Protein backbone atom coordinates (compact mmCIF):
# COMPACT_ATOMS: atom_id res chain seq x y z
CA UNK A 1 -0.50 -0.10 0.16
CA UNK A 2 2.81 2.14 0.67
CA UNK A 3 4.41 1.31 -2.81
CA UNK A 4 1.13 2.45 -4.45
CA UNK A 5 0.60 5.62 -2.53
CA UNK A 6 4.22 6.63 -2.89
CA UNK A 7 3.60 6.25 -6.77
CA UNK A 8 0.80 8.13 -7.01
CA UNK A 9 2.13 10.89 -5.79
CA UNK A 10 5.02 10.64 -7.70
CA UNK A 11 2.62 10.45 -10.88
CA UNK A 12 0.19 13.63 -9.35
CA UNK A 13 3.54 15.64 -8.99
CA UNK A 14 4.57 14.70 -12.74
CA UNK A 15 0.82 15.56 -14.12
CA UNK A 16 1.34 18.41 -12.41
CA UNK A 17 4.46 19.63 -13.71
CA UNK A 18 3.56 19.04 -17.08
CA UNK A 19 0.75 21.14 -16.94
CA UNK A 20 2.16 23.78 -15.65
CA UNK A 21 4.18 24.47 -18.38
CA UNK A 22 2.12 23.72 -20.89
CA UNK A 23 0.64 27.24 -22.99
CA UNK A 24 -1.67 29.33 -20.83
CA UNK A 25 -5.51 28.97 -22.09
CA UNK A 26 -8.03 30.37 -24.11
CA UNK A 27 -10.77 31.19 -22.27
CA UNK A 28 -12.21 32.99 -19.13
CA UNK A 29 -13.84 31.74 -15.38
CA UNK A 30 -17.38 31.46 -14.18
CA UNK A 31 -17.12 32.13 -10.43
CA UNK A 32 -19.45 29.85 -7.98
CA UNK A 33 -20.78 32.20 -5.07
CA UNK A 34 -23.83 31.23 -2.87
CA UNK A 35 -24.24 33.96 0.09
CA UNK A 36 -22.17 36.94 1.49
CA UNK A 37 -22.57 38.11 4.99
CA UNK A 38 -21.43 38.97 8.37
CA UNK A 39 -23.74 35.71 9.43
CA UNK A 40 -21.95 33.44 11.88
CA UNK A 41 -23.00 29.85 10.47
CA UNK A 42 -22.80 26.62 13.19
CA UNK A 43 -24.16 24.25 10.75
CA UNK A 44 -21.26 23.78 7.94
CA UNK A 45 -22.83 26.24 5.71
CA UNK A 46 -20.63 28.71 5.71
CA UNK A 47 -18.48 26.93 3.84
CA UNK A 48 -20.86 28.45 0.92
CA UNK A 49 -20.22 32.01 2.11
CA UNK A 50 -17.81 35.34 1.69
CA UNK A 51 -17.95 37.33 4.09
CA UNK A 52 -18.47 40.61 3.05
CA UNK A 53 -15.06 43.34 3.70
CA UNK A 54 -13.26 39.43 1.37
CA UNK A 55 -16.15 39.70 -1.11
CA UNK A 56 -15.03 42.92 -1.46
CA UNK A 57 -11.29 42.40 -1.51
CA UNK A 58 -11.56 40.09 -4.02
CA UNK A 59 -13.55 41.82 -6.20
CA UNK A 60 -10.98 44.08 -6.44
CA UNK A 61 -8.34 42.52 -7.17
CA UNK A 62 -10.34 41.03 -10.39
CA UNK A 63 -10.62 44.63 -10.71
CA UNK A 64 -6.74 45.30 -10.39
CA UNK A 65 -6.12 42.52 -12.88
CA UNK A 66 -7.82 43.76 -15.40
CA UNK A 67 -11.27 41.12 -15.54
CA UNK A 68 -14.23 42.85 -16.97
CA UNK A 69 -17.76 41.26 -16.05
CA UNK A 70 -20.40 40.08 -17.71
CA UNK A 71 -23.83 38.42 -17.86
CA UNK A 72 -24.12 34.51 -19.59
CA UNK A 73 -26.84 36.75 -21.70
CA UNK A 74 -23.79 39.34 -22.84
CA UNK A 75 -22.12 35.56 -24.16
CA UNK A 76 -24.80 34.46 -25.78
CA UNK A 77 -24.64 38.15 -27.45
CA UNK A 78 -21.13 37.30 -28.82
CA UNK A 79 -20.96 34.05 -29.31
CA UNK A 80 -24.20 34.59 -32.55
CA UNK A 81 -21.63 38.06 -33.13
CA UNK A 82 -24.11 40.08 -31.55
CA UNK A 83 -21.51 42.04 -29.54
CA UNK A 84 -17.83 41.38 -28.06
CA UNK A 85 -16.37 39.91 -24.72
CA UNK A 86 -14.10 41.98 -23.42
CA UNK A 87 -10.87 41.37 -23.47
CA UNK A 88 -11.08 39.62 -20.28
CA UNK A 89 -14.19 39.00 -18.69
CA UNK A 90 -15.18 36.95 -16.16
CA UNK A 91 -18.66 35.67 -15.03
CA UNK A 92 -20.07 36.48 -11.30
CA UNK A 93 -22.83 33.81 -10.14
CA UNK A 94 -24.44 32.91 -6.95
CA UNK A 95 -26.64 29.71 -6.35
CA UNK A 96 -29.86 29.58 -4.88
CA UNK A 97 -31.53 32.90 -4.24
CA UNK A 98 -30.31 34.46 -1.03
CA UNK A 99 -31.81 37.66 0.64
CA UNK A 100 -28.11 39.01 1.52
CA UNK A 101 -27.55 38.98 -2.38
CA UNK A 102 -29.74 41.90 -2.76
CA UNK A 103 -28.66 43.98 0.85
CA UNK A 104 -25.36 42.42 1.14
CA UNK A 105 -23.76 41.50 -2.47
CA UNK A 106 -25.36 44.30 -4.76
CA UNK A 107 -24.36 47.19 -2.77
CA UNK A 108 -20.62 45.82 -3.26
CA UNK A 109 -21.65 44.83 -6.14
CA UNK A 110 -22.37 48.47 -7.61
CA UNK A 111 -19.43 49.90 -5.09
CA UNK A 112 -17.43 48.61 -7.88
CA UNK A 113 -18.98 48.98 -11.17
CA UNK A 114 -20.13 45.49 -11.22
CA UNK A 115 -22.46 42.25 -12.44
CA UNK A 116 -23.39 39.01 -11.93
CA UNK A 117 -26.11 36.60 -12.64
CA UNK A 118 -27.93 34.81 -9.39
CA UNK A 119 -30.46 31.49 -9.96
CA UNK A 120 -33.42 31.19 -8.25
CA UNK A 121 -34.85 28.52 -5.89
CA UNK A 122 -38.23 29.89 -7.14
CA UNK A 123 -40.09 27.12 -4.21
CA UNK A 124 -37.42 29.68 -1.51
CA UNK A 125 -38.72 32.76 -3.41
CA UNK A 126 -40.68 35.26 -0.55
CA UNK A 127 -39.38 32.78 2.12
CA UNK A 128 -36.97 33.12 5.59
CA UNK A 129 -33.34 34.19 4.89
CA UNK A 130 -34.28 34.17 0.69
CA UNK A 131 -35.31 37.02 -2.30
CA UNK A 132 -38.66 37.79 -2.33
CA UNK A 133 -40.69 38.42 -5.54
CA UNK A 134 -39.53 42.32 -5.63
CA UNK A 135 -36.29 42.31 -4.87
CA UNK A 136 -35.35 40.39 -7.22
CA UNK A 137 -36.89 41.95 -9.76
CA UNK A 138 -35.38 45.26 -8.90
CA UNK A 139 -32.14 43.20 -9.06
CA UNK A 140 -32.57 42.34 -12.63
CA UNK A 141 -33.81 46.52 -13.51
CA UNK A 142 -30.29 47.11 -12.35
CA UNK A 143 -28.69 44.67 -14.42
CA UNK A 144 -28.42 41.96 -12.93
CA UNK A 145 -29.17 38.96 -15.04
CA UNK A 146 -31.41 35.69 -13.10
CA UNK A 147 -31.91 32.94 -13.84
CA UNK A 148 -33.73 29.59 -12.58
CA UNK A 149 -31.67 27.20 -9.97
CA UNK A 150 -35.08 24.79 -11.00
CA UNK A 151 -38.09 25.30 -8.56
CA UNK A 152 -37.06 22.71 -5.57
CA UNK A 153 -33.22 22.12 -6.13
CA UNK A 154 -33.09 18.46 -6.72
CA UNK A 155 -30.25 16.73 -8.34
CA UNK A 156 -32.15 16.75 -11.25
CA UNK A 157 -30.50 13.24 -13.13
CA UNK A 158 -32.42 11.27 -10.49
CA UNK A 159 -35.97 11.68 -10.53
CA UNK A 160 -38.59 10.55 -12.51
CA UNK A 161 -38.63 11.88 -16.58
CA UNK A 162 -42.42 14.16 -15.68
CA UNK A 163 -40.84 15.56 -12.67
CA UNK A 164 -36.98 16.60 -13.45
CA UNK A 165 -39.34 18.26 -17.17
CA UNK A 166 -41.71 19.89 -14.57
CA UNK A 167 -38.66 21.29 -11.85
CA UNK A 168 -36.83 23.43 -15.18
CA UNK A 169 -40.18 24.48 -17.01
CA UNK A 170 -42.11 25.61 -14.57
CA UNK A 171 -39.35 27.54 -12.21
CA UNK A 172 -38.88 29.47 -15.73
CA UNK A 173 -42.30 30.37 -16.23
CA UNK A 174 -42.74 31.29 -12.18
CA UNK A 175 -40.32 33.54 -13.23
CA UNK A 176 -41.85 34.77 -16.82
CA UNK A 177 -45.24 34.86 -15.11
CA UNK A 178 -44.32 37.45 -12.00
CA UNK A 179 -43.13 39.48 -14.46
CA UNK A 180 -39.43 38.84 -14.83
CA UNK A 181 -37.41 39.56 -18.75
CA UNK A 182 -37.39 36.17 -20.57
CA UNK A 183 -35.19 33.76 -18.25
CA UNK A 184 -32.16 32.35 -20.25
CA UNK A 185 -29.66 30.84 -18.24
CA UNK A 186 -29.46 27.90 -15.74
CA UNK A 187 -27.95 26.22 -12.73
CA UNK A 188 -28.09 22.49 -12.37
CA UNK A 189 -28.73 21.43 -8.75
CA UNK A 190 -25.67 19.96 -8.16
CA UNK A 191 -23.72 20.26 -10.59
CA UNK A 192 -25.80 17.03 -12.04
CA UNK A 193 -26.73 16.83 -15.74
CA UNK A 194 -26.93 14.84 -18.85
CA UNK A 195 -27.78 14.75 -22.71
CA UNK A 196 -32.05 14.03 -21.66
CA UNK A 197 -31.80 17.54 -19.57
CA UNK A 198 -29.45 19.63 -22.01
CA UNK A 199 -32.76 18.84 -24.25
CA UNK A 200 -35.15 19.78 -22.00
CA UNK A 201 -33.12 22.59 -21.26
CA UNK A 202 -33.82 23.51 -25.02
CA UNK A 203 -37.01 22.74 -25.81
CA UNK A 204 -37.77 24.66 -23.05
CA UNK A 205 -35.75 27.65 -24.68
CA UNK A 206 -32.76 28.21 -22.08
CA UNK A 207 -29.58 29.46 -23.37
CA UNK A 208 -27.04 28.79 -20.68
CA UNK A 209 -26.77 26.31 -18.06
CA UNK A 210 -23.20 26.39 -15.43
CA UNK A 211 -22.50 23.60 -14.06
CA UNK A 212 -20.15 22.61 -11.03
CA UNK A 213 -17.17 21.01 -13.11
CA UNK A 214 -13.73 23.57 -12.89
CA UNK A 215 -12.25 24.63 -16.55
CA UNK A 216 -12.07 27.94 -19.03
CA UNK A 217 -15.27 28.90 -21.60
CA UNK A 218 -14.64 30.28 -24.96
CA UNK A 219 -17.10 30.77 -27.71
CA UNK A 220 -16.65 27.04 -28.77
CA UNK A 221 -17.64 25.71 -24.66
CA UNK A 222 -21.60 24.21 -25.10
CA UNK A 223 -23.25 27.06 -23.62
CA UNK A 224 -25.32 23.90 -21.35
CA UNK A 225 -21.73 22.68 -20.27
CA UNK A 226 -20.16 25.81 -18.93
CA UNK A 227 -16.77 25.05 -16.70
CA UNK A 228 -17.33 26.63 -13.30
CA UNK A 229 -15.03 27.18 -10.54
CA UNK A 230 -16.71 27.59 -6.32
CA UNK A 231 -15.57 29.93 -4.50
CA UNK A 232 -16.27 29.10 -0.69
CA UNK A 233 -15.38 30.77 2.81
CA UNK A 234 -11.49 31.69 2.71
CA UNK A 235 -9.59 30.10 5.63
CA UNK A 236 -6.52 31.96 3.71
CA UNK A 237 -7.85 35.92 1.77
CA UNK A 238 -6.74 36.40 -1.12
CA UNK A 239 -4.12 33.58 -2.03
CA UNK A 240 -7.11 30.64 -1.20
CA UNK A 241 -8.67 33.04 -4.07
CA UNK A 242 -6.45 33.63 -6.04
CA UNK A 243 -5.28 29.47 -6.01
CA UNK A 244 -9.32 28.66 -7.16
CA UNK A 245 -8.80 30.86 -10.04
CA UNK A 246 -5.73 29.32 -11.21
CA UNK A 247 -7.94 25.96 -10.91
CA UNK A 248 -9.80 26.80 -13.67
CA UNK A 249 -6.54 28.02 -15.95
CA UNK A 250 -5.29 23.97 -14.33
CA UNK A 251 -8.70 22.41 -15.51
CA UNK A 252 -8.14 24.03 -18.65
CA UNK A 253 -5.23 23.06 -19.35
CA UNK A 254 -6.35 19.16 -18.67
CA UNK A 255 -9.29 19.38 -20.53
CA UNK A 256 -6.36 20.64 -24.01
CA UNK A 257 -4.28 17.24 -22.98
CA UNK A 258 -7.48 14.83 -23.08
């Protein structure tokens, strides 16, 4: 067992070294956030939170590095030749639709002149700690793209076909019939998807979907399989944030190899 462990370590170091010297891949990152709040957690969910001070520092860093935030609608306009992407685009996404996305995240985002995509679990709208419909509408009016995180945030690959279709279609219908502009993007709950689900998205007029798989995105990336990097509670400040950004590049190099 010891020899196997050593062998795995050696192979891992070799692969990392090879990947490190490969040319820088093209593409832009999509970041996956959840909550932005100074609230104390004791139930394990703190891993899904970035405190406001840390979030502001991350945005400062992105601006200093020359990144420009775009929405996924901007991305699709570029795919279809209707616009050009900035030199160094990046997409900030927020899953679940927590109320602090409105009260804490949005003001910080606007201070930096940035935009984002917020994915809403529609059956949680208006419940404690979640966005209200009026807050969601106001975010959209202020330039935030609103997307669907399905009706109940259940893994789509583990349910009956009829329920799966309902989860995808009903969430979109609810938001649009409630007065929001057309919903074009979906975030797969728990990152679970397959080809059948992608076909359902196309049938329901979704144009993009984000996964939990690491990598970079280009105009040639399948818009229903967009790569994304999870930004968790920072334990080592900006150093950890920079490492997670590099994770997208590292996996993009692996994709190019395999």
